[in-house]
């Protein structure tokens, strides 16, 4: 695995440094959580949606596949803890980070415990690297002394200081989410959907995705459907808007570009909306967030579950109600499309379709 290159690392503020490290950890964690979720979903397709509750009663291929998925999901929290530490302090942080992730699961601190443990390990390793040691010991520092000492120190801190409050917080959060009533569920899902559709891969989107992926890692699967279904509405909605608005409101280039949005929507890739967002930020943002909020709220209200955090149409069959998922996706896309087609102003006379021609849209 290639080392992370840190250019001008000394000029970063600590907040930016931590944020970048967390995002690096998430990027390494995503394949684990996606793979584990999809494998479990395949097992549910073969053995029934409730196969996880009947593992001791069956002995089949579906059970083996389910075990593979479950064991892969067990590495989600250790993965994010290890690679946050790696992003902060390079290779000496990996082993202690893995241990902090395992401890986080043991203490029921979940995703948050993994984040905190990874950051703790990162700073401890950075501190140990600053210690001057004899040249004879410098070779064993990164492979013996640092991993051993950091694991002991960080582990004791997690067990006796940080673990209890984080575990209490996670229990309170899980209890709050499971006890939400209809209106509160809709509002919670609407906030997720709106944030996912706010900047299409930007910081707001990533913040919501981080929170939802953490809940998924802890076994709370309903917000995952709200995230993915809402995220799929925006590209399809913008494509629909170009069809409804026609030549009066959209240039030939925009309408041609919108054709690809149908495919991107199907595979849950939102970045195709960004060119439209840059040209007409207010109206695109309002339209996408409205459709995403309604879709996200409906997913939460109907307790629609998705074990996979990504995948689009390839994982719809693995949700608790595929037809409902498709219905909410199309509904949100229609709301976004109609709203943007109405809000979008007609093109000015003599409009030239190029990258700098956004002036006449406001």
Protein backbone atom coordinates (compact mmCIF):
# COMPACT_ATOMS: atom_id res chain seq x y z
CA UNK A 1 0.00 0.00 0.00
CA UNK A 2 1.40 3.37 -0.95
CA UNK A 3 2.30 5.85 1.74
CA UNK A 4 0.16 8.94 2.07
CA UNK A 5 1.99 11.98 0.75
CA UNK A 6 1.54 15.02 2.93
CA UNK A 7 2.38 18.19 1.06
CA UNK A 8 2.73 21.30 3.18
CA UNK A 9 1.44 19.32 6.14
CA UNK A 10 2.97 21.80 8.61
CA UNK A 11 0.77 24.59 7.28
CA UNK A 12 -2.48 22.76 8.05
CA UNK A 13 -4.50 23.70 11.09
CA UNK A 14 -5.19 20.89 13.53
CA UNK A 15 -8.90 20.94 12.62
CA UNK A 16 -8.13 20.52 8.91
CA UNK A 17 -5.55 17.86 9.73
CA UNK A 18 -8.08 15.84 11.74
CA UNK A 19 -10.79 16.31 9.10
CA UNK A 20 -8.49 15.15 6.30
CA UNK A 21 -7.42 12.15 8.36
CA UNK A 22 -11.03 11.19 9.07
CA UNK A 23 -11.90 11.46 5.37
CA UNK A 24 -8.92 9.24 4.53
CA UNK A 25 -10.08 6.68 7.08
CA UNK A 26 -13.57 6.75 5.61
CA UNK A 27 -12.24 6.23 2.08
CA UNK A 28 -10.47 3.05 3.24
CA UNK A 29 -13.50 1.93 5.24
CA UNK A 30 -16.06 2.33 2.44
CA UNK A 31 -15.04 -0.83 0.49
CA UNK A 32 -15.32 -2.85 3.71
CA UNK A 33 -18.79 -1.59 4.61
CA UNK A 34 -20.04 -1.77 1.01
CA UNK A 35 -18.66 -5.28 0.50
CA UNK A 36 -20.00 -6.54 3.81
CA UNK A 37 -23.41 -5.00 3.21
CA UNK A 38 -23.73 -6.39 -0.30
CA UNK A 39 -22.61 -9.89 0.74
CA UNK A 40 -25.16 -9.91 3.56
CA UNK A 41 -27.80 -8.65 1.17
CA UNK A 42 -27.03 -11.53 -1.22
CA UNK A 43 -27.48 -13.94 1.69
CA UNK A 44 -30.83 -12.34 2.45
CA UNK A 45 -31.90 -12.76 -1.15
CA UNK A 46 -31.04 -16.48 -1.01
CA UNK A 47 -32.20 -17.30 2.51
CA UNK A 48 -34.83 -14.70 3.32
CA UNK A 49 -34.57 -11.20 4.76
CA UNK A 50 -34.56 -12.43 8.38
CA UNK A 51 -31.80 -15.00 7.86
CA UNK A 52 -29.61 -13.17 10.38
CA UNK A 53 -32.09 -14.03 13.15
CA UNK A 54 -32.27 -17.71 12.23
CA UNK A 55 -28.61 -18.62 11.76
CA UNK A 56 -28.70 -21.37 14.41
CA UNK A 57 -31.66 -23.08 12.73
CA UNK A 58 -30.28 -23.43 9.20
CA UNK A 59 -27.26 -24.93 7.45
CA UNK A 60 -27.09 -23.76 3.84
CA UNK A 61 -25.10 -21.78 1.30
CA UNK A 62 -27.02 -18.67 2.35
CA UNK A 63 -25.79 -19.14 5.93
CA UNK A 64 -22.16 -19.35 4.79
CA UNK A 65 -22.54 -16.21 2.67
CA UNK A 66 -24.18 -14.44 5.61
CA UNK A 67 -21.28 -15.41 7.88
CA UNK A 68 -18.84 -13.98 5.33
CA UNK A 69 -20.75 -10.71 5.23
CA UNK A 70 -21.07 -10.50 9.01
CA UNK A 71 -17.37 -11.12 9.53
CA UNK A 72 -16.49 -8.53 6.91
CA UNK A 73 -18.71 -6.00 8.70
CA UNK A 74 -16.83 -6.75 11.92
CA UNK A 75 -13.81 -5.05 10.33
CA UNK A 76 -15.60 -1.77 9.58
CA UNK A 77 -14.80 0.00 12.86
CA UNK A 78 -11.24 -1.39 13.11
CA UNK A 79 -10.66 -0.30 9.50
CA UNK A 80 -11.65 3.32 10.06
CA UNK A 81 -9.71 3.53 13.34
CA UNK A 82 -6.58 2.01 11.78
CA UNK A 83 -6.58 4.17 8.68
CA UNK A 84 -7.33 7.41 10.53
CA UNK A 85 -4.25 6.63 12.60
CA UNK A 86 -2.38 5.75 9.39
CA UNK A 87 -3.37 9.04 7.78
CA UNK A 88 -2.15 10.94 10.83
CA UNK A 89 1.04 9.05 11.66
CA UNK A 90 1.84 6.58 8.85
CA UNK A 91 2.43 2.84 9.28
CA UNK A 92 3.19 2.76 13.04
CA UNK A 93 -0.42 3.79 13.66
CA UNK A 94 -2.04 0.86 11.85
CA UNK A 95 -1.65 -1.89 14.47
CA UNK A 96 -2.73 0.22 17.47
CA UNK A 97 -5.57 1.62 15.36
CA UNK A 98 -6.86 -1.87 14.59
CA UNK A 99 -6.82 -2.66 18.31
CA UNK A 100 -8.71 0.55 19.13
CA UNK A 101 -11.36 -0.42 16.58
CA UNK A 102 -11.70 -3.86 18.15
CA UNK A 103 -11.95 -2.29 21.61
CA UNK A 104 -14.59 0.12 20.34
CA UNK A 105 -16.73 -2.85 19.32
CA UNK A 106 -16.08 -4.61 22.63
CA UNK A 107 -17.13 -1.52 24.61
CA UNK A 108 -20.18 -0.91 22.36
CA UNK A 109 -18.89 2.54 21.40
CA UNK A 110 -19.37 1.72 17.72
CA UNK A 111 -18.37 4.04 14.91
CA UNK A 112 -17.76 7.03 17.19
CA UNK A 113 -15.42 4.96 19.36
CA UNK A 114 -13.47 3.99 16.25
CA UNK A 115 -13.11 7.64 15.21
CA UNK A 116 -11.97 8.73 18.66
CA UNK A 117 -9.63 5.75 19.02
CA UNK A 118 -8.02 6.38 15.66
CA UNK A 119 -7.41 10.05 16.41
CA UNK A 120 -6.03 9.19 19.86
CA UNK A 121 -3.62 6.66 18.37
CA UNK A 122 -2.56 9.12 15.67
CA UNK A 123 -1.55 11.80 18.15
CA UNK A 124 0.19 9.33 20.45
CA UNK A 125 2.27 7.96 17.57
CA UNK A 126 3.16 11.50 16.48
CA UNK A 127 4.28 12.19 20.04
CA UNK A 128 6.41 9.05 20.22
CA UNK A 129 8.07 9.90 16.90
CA UNK A 130 9.39 13.12 18.44
CA UNK A 131 11.24 11.24 21.17
CA UNK A 132 14.97 11.11 20.49
CA UNK A 133 16.36 7.60 20.89
CA UNK A 134 19.81 6.08 20.35
CA UNK A 135 20.56 5.13 16.77
CA UNK A 136 20.61 1.45 17.74
CA UNK A 137 16.93 1.66 18.76
CA UNK A 138 15.69 3.76 15.84
CA UNK A 139 15.13 0.69 13.66
CA UNK A 140 12.78 -1.02 16.11
CA UNK A 141 10.85 2.10 17.11
CA UNK A 142 8.20 1.88 14.34
CA UNK A 143 7.81 -1.91 14.45
CA UNK A 144 8.04 -2.68 18.17
CA UNK A 145 8.27 0.17 20.64
CA UNK A 146 5.72 2.58 19.15
CA UNK A 147 2.98 0.01 18.34
CA UNK A 148 3.36 -1.71 21.73
CA UNK A 149 3.47 1.42 23.88
CA UNK A 150 0.75 3.26 21.96
CA UNK A 151 -1.56 0.23 22.07
CA UNK A 152 -1.14 -0.02 25.84
CA UNK A 153 -1.62 3.69 26.50
CA UNK A 154 -4.50 4.24 24.08
CA UNK A 155 -6.19 1.00 25.17
CA UNK A 156 -6.13 1.95 28.84
CA UNK A 157 -7.42 5.44 28.03
CA UNK A 158 -10.28 3.96 26.00
CA UNK A 159 -11.19 1.40 28.67
CA UNK A 160 -11.04 3.63 31.74
CA UNK A 161 -11.68 7.19 30.49
CA UNK A 162 -13.28 7.55 27.06
CA UNK A 163 -15.16 4.29 26.60
CA UNK A 164 -17.90 4.82 29.19
CA UNK A 165 -19.15 8.26 28.02
CA UNK A 166 -18.94 7.28 24.34
CA UNK A 167 -20.87 4.07 25.01
CA UNK A 168 -23.52 6.02 26.92
CA UNK A 169 -23.80 8.49 24.05
CA UNK A 170 -24.23 5.70 21.49
CA UNK A 171 -26.89 3.99 23.61
CA UNK A 172 -28.77 7.28 23.95
CA UNK A 173 -28.51 7.95 20.23
CA UNK A 174 -29.68 4.46 19.28
CA UNK A 175 -32.52 4.67 21.78
CA UNK A 176 -33.61 8.04 20.42
CA UNK A 177 -33.58 6.82 16.81
CA UNK A 178 -35.51 3.63 17.56
CA UNK A 179 -38.15 5.50 19.58
CA UNK A 180 -38.90 8.18 16.99
CA UNK A 181 -42.59 8.56 16.11
CA UNK A 182 -43.98 9.16 12.64
CA UNK A 183 -43.43 12.92 12.42
CA UNK A 184 -40.00 12.78 14.00
CA UNK A 185 -38.96 9.93 11.70
CA UNK A 186 -39.99 11.94 8.66
CA UNK A 187 -38.10 15.00 9.88
CA UNK A 188 -34.97 12.98 10.60
CA UNK A 189 -35.08 11.34 7.15
CA UNK A 190 -35.82 14.69 5.50
CA UNK A 191 -32.73 16.25 7.07
CA UNK A 192 -30.60 13.34 5.82
CA UNK A 193 -32.09 13.55 2.32
CA UNK A 194 -31.71 17.33 2.11
CA UNK A 195 -28.08 17.24 3.25
CA UNK A 196 -27.22 14.46 0.80
CA UNK A 197 -28.68 16.53 -2.05
CA UNK A 198 -27.25 19.87 -0.93
CA UNK A 199 -23.82 19.86 -2.57
CA UNK A 200 -23.55 16.46 -4.29
CA UNK A 201 -20.33 15.08 -2.87
CA UNK A 202 -19.28 18.25 -1.03
CA UNK A 203 -18.74 18.72 2.72
CA UNK A 204 -22.45 18.80 3.62
CA UNK A 205 -23.07 15.60 1.68
CA UNK A 206 -20.03 13.92 3.22
CA UNK A 207 -21.06 14.91 6.75
CA UNK A 208 -24.48 13.30 6.33
CA UNK A 209 -22.96 10.22 4.66
CA UNK A 210 -20.43 9.85 7.48
CA UNK A 211 -23.19 9.89 10.10
CA UNK A 212 -25.43 7.47 8.20
CA UNK A 213 -22.60 5.07 7.35
CA UNK A 214 -21.72 5.03 11.04
CA UNK A 215 -25.28 4.08 11.94
CA UNK A 216 -25.18 1.36 9.29
CA UNK A 217 -21.98 -0.02 10.79
CA UNK A 218 -23.77 -0.18 14.13
CA UNK A 219 -26.69 -2.11 12.62
CA UNK A 220 -29.21 0.72 12.12
CA UNK A 221 -30.10 0.29 8.43
CA UNK A 222 -33.10 2.57 7.85
CA UNK A 223 -31.17 5.85 7.45
CA UNK A 224 -29.04 4.13 4.80
CA UNK A 225 -32.03 3.80 2.51
CA UNK A 226 -32.91 7.45 3.13
CA UNK A 227 -29.37 8.45 2.16
CA UNK A 228 -29.06 6.36 -0.99
CA UNK A 229 -32.60 6.78 -2.28
CA UNK A 230 -32.50 10.56 -1.75
CA UNK A 231 -29.09 10.79 -3.41
CA UNK A 232 -30.40 8.98 -6.47
CA UNK A 233 -33.24 11.48 -6.95
CA UNK A 234 -31.15 14.53 -7.85
CA UNK A 235 -29.45 13.37 -11.10
CA UNK A 236 -32.64 11.81 -12.43
CA UNK A 237 -34.63 14.90 -11.39
CA UNK A 238 -32.31 17.29 -13.24
CA UNK A 239 -32.47 15.07 -16.32
CA UNK A 240 -36.27 15.16 -16.12
CA UNK A 241 -36.21 18.95 -15.74
CA UNK A 242 -34.27 19.35 -19.00
CA UNK A 243 -36.92 17.26 -20.75
CA UNK A 244 -39.80 19.28 -19.26
CA UNK A 245 -38.14 22.68 -19.75
CA UNK A 246 -37.02 21.92 -23.26
CA UNK A 247 -35.10 24.31 -25.50
CA UNK A 248 -36.65 27.38 -23.91
CA UNK A 249 -34.90 26.82 -20.59
CA UNK A 250 -32.01 24.48 -21.34
CA UNK A 251 -29.30 24.68 -23.97
CA UNK A 252 -28.49 21.85 -26.35
CA UNK A 253 -25.34 21.08 -24.39
CA UNK A 254 -27.21 20.87 -21.09
CA UNK A 255 -29.89 18.61 -22.51
CA UNK A 256 -27.23 16.36 -24.02
CA UNK A 257 -25.33 16.28 -20.76
CA UNK A 258 -28.50 15.43 -18.85
CA UNK A 259 -28.79 12.11 -20.70
CA UNK A 260 -25.84 10.78 -18.76
CA UNK A 261 -27.52 11.79 -15.50
CA UNK A 262 -30.06 9.00 -15.93
CA UNK A 263 -27.27 6.42 -15.82
CA UNK A 264 -25.46 8.21 -12.98
CA UNK A 265 -28.67 8.32 -10.96
CA UNK A 266 -29.12 4.59 -11.42
CA UNK A 267 -25.70 3.84 -9.92
CA UNK A 268 -25.97 6.48 -7.16
CA UNK A 269 -23.37 8.92 -8.51
CA UNK A 270 -24.40 12.51 -7.76
CA UNK A 271 -21.41 14.42 -9.09
CA UNK A 272 -23.02 14.75 -12.54
CA UNK A 273 -25.34 17.41 -11.08
CA UNK A 274 -22.42 19.70 -10.17
CA UNK A 275 -22.19 21.48 -13.59
CA UNK A 276 -25.86 22.45 -13.26
CA UNK A 277 -25.30 23.47 -9.63
CA UNK A 278 -22.42 25.76 -10.60
CA UNK A 279 -24.46 27.47 -13.30
CA UNK A 280 -27.65 27.90 -11.27
CA UNK A 281 -26.82 27.17 -7.62
CA UNK A 282 -29.89 28.52 -5.80
CA UNK A 283 -32.59 26.92 -7.93
CA UNK A 284 -30.75 23.61 -8.36
CA UNK A 285 -30.08 23.42 -4.63
CA UNK A 286 -33.69 24.20 -3.68
CA UNK A 287 -35.08 21.69 -6.19
CA UNK A 288 -32.70 18.85 -5.32
CA UNK A 289 -32.97 19.35 -1.56
CA UNK A 290 -36.77 19.39 -1.73
CA UNK A 291 -37.00 16.14 -3.66
CA UNK A 292 -34.29 14.53 -1.52
CA UNK A 293 -35.92 15.65 1.74
CA UNK A 294 -39.32 14.19 0.82
CA UNK A 295 -37.76 10.92 -0.33
CA UNK A 296 -35.56 10.64 2.76
CA UNK A 297 -38.49 11.38 5.06
CA UNK A 298 -40.69 8.75 3.43
CA UNK A 299 -37.91 6.13 3.64
CA UNK A 300 -37.59 6.74 7.38
CA UNK A 301 -41.35 6.77 8.00
CA UNK A 302 -41.86 3.46 6.23
CA UNK A 303 -38.84 1.85 7.98
CA UNK A 304 -37.27 0.97 4.62
CA UNK A 305 -33.93 -0.76 5.29
CA UNK A 306 -30.85 -1.01 3.09
CA UNK A 307 -27.87 -3.08 4.25
CA UNK A 308 -25.72 -1.67 1.42
CA UNK A 309 -24.52 1.93 1.70
CA UNK A 310 -23.82 2.25 -2.04
CA UNK A 311 -24.63 0.52 -5.31
CA UNK A 312 -27.81 2.09 -6.68
CA UNK A 313 -29.94 -0.23 -8.80
CA UNK A 314 -27.52 -3.10 -8.19
CA UNK A 315 -28.53 -3.30 -4.53
CA UNK A 316 -32.19 -2.25 -4.69
CA UNK A 317 -33.27 -5.91 -4.67
CA UNK A 318 -31.45 -6.27 -1.34
CA UNK A 319 -33.53 -3.64 0.47
CA UNK A 320 -36.41 -4.62 2.73
CA UNK A 321 -38.94 -3.42 0.12
CA UNK A 322 -37.48 -2.96 -3.40
CA UNK A 323 -40.70 -1.69 -4.99
CA UNK A 324 -41.10 0.95 -2.30
CA UNK A 325 -37.50 2.03 -2.80
CA UNK A 326 -38.04 2.46 -6.55
CA UNK A 327 -41.29 4.33 -5.91
CA UNK A 328 -39.66 6.81 -3.53
CA UNK A 329 -36.73 7.26 -5.92
CA UNK A 330 -39.02 8.11 -8.84
CA UNK A 331 -41.26 10.29 -6.67
CA UNK A 332 -38.33 12.37 -5.43
CA UNK A 333 -36.94 12.65 -8.96
CA UNK A 334 -40.30 13.87 -10.27
CA UNK A 335 -40.55 16.46 -7.50
CA UNK A 336 -37.01 17.70 -8.20
CA UNK A 337 -37.55 17.69 -11.96
CA UNK A 338 -40.89 19.51 -12.00
CA UNK A 339 -39.76 22.06 -9.41
CA UNK A 340 -36.54 22.90 -11.23
CA UNK A 341 -38.30 23.06 -14.60
CA UNK A 342 -40.68 25.63 -13.09
CA UNK A 343 -38.06 27.62 -11.19
CA UNK A 344 -35.50 27.74 -14.00
CA UNK A 345 -35.64 30.97 -15.97
CA UNK A 346 -35.84 30.84 -19.76
CA UNK A 347 -32.53 31.19 -21.54
CA UNK A 348 -31.67 34.76 -22.52
CA UNK A 349 -31.78 35.62 -26.17
CA UNK A 350 -28.48 34.81 -27.85
CA UNK A 351 -27.37 32.52 -25.03
CA UNK A 352 -24.04 30.86 -25.75
CA UNK A 353 -23.50 27.42 -24.25
CA UNK A 354 -20.05 27.50 -22.68
CA UNK A 355 -18.45 27.20 -19.22
CA UNK A 356 -18.57 30.93 -18.56
CA UNK A 357 -22.17 31.52 -19.62
CA UNK A 358 -23.90 31.30 -16.27
CA UNK A 359 -24.54 35.06 -15.97
CA UNK A 360 -27.94 35.05 -17.62
CA UNK A 361 -29.35 32.30 -15.45
CA UNK A 362 -29.72 34.36 -12.25
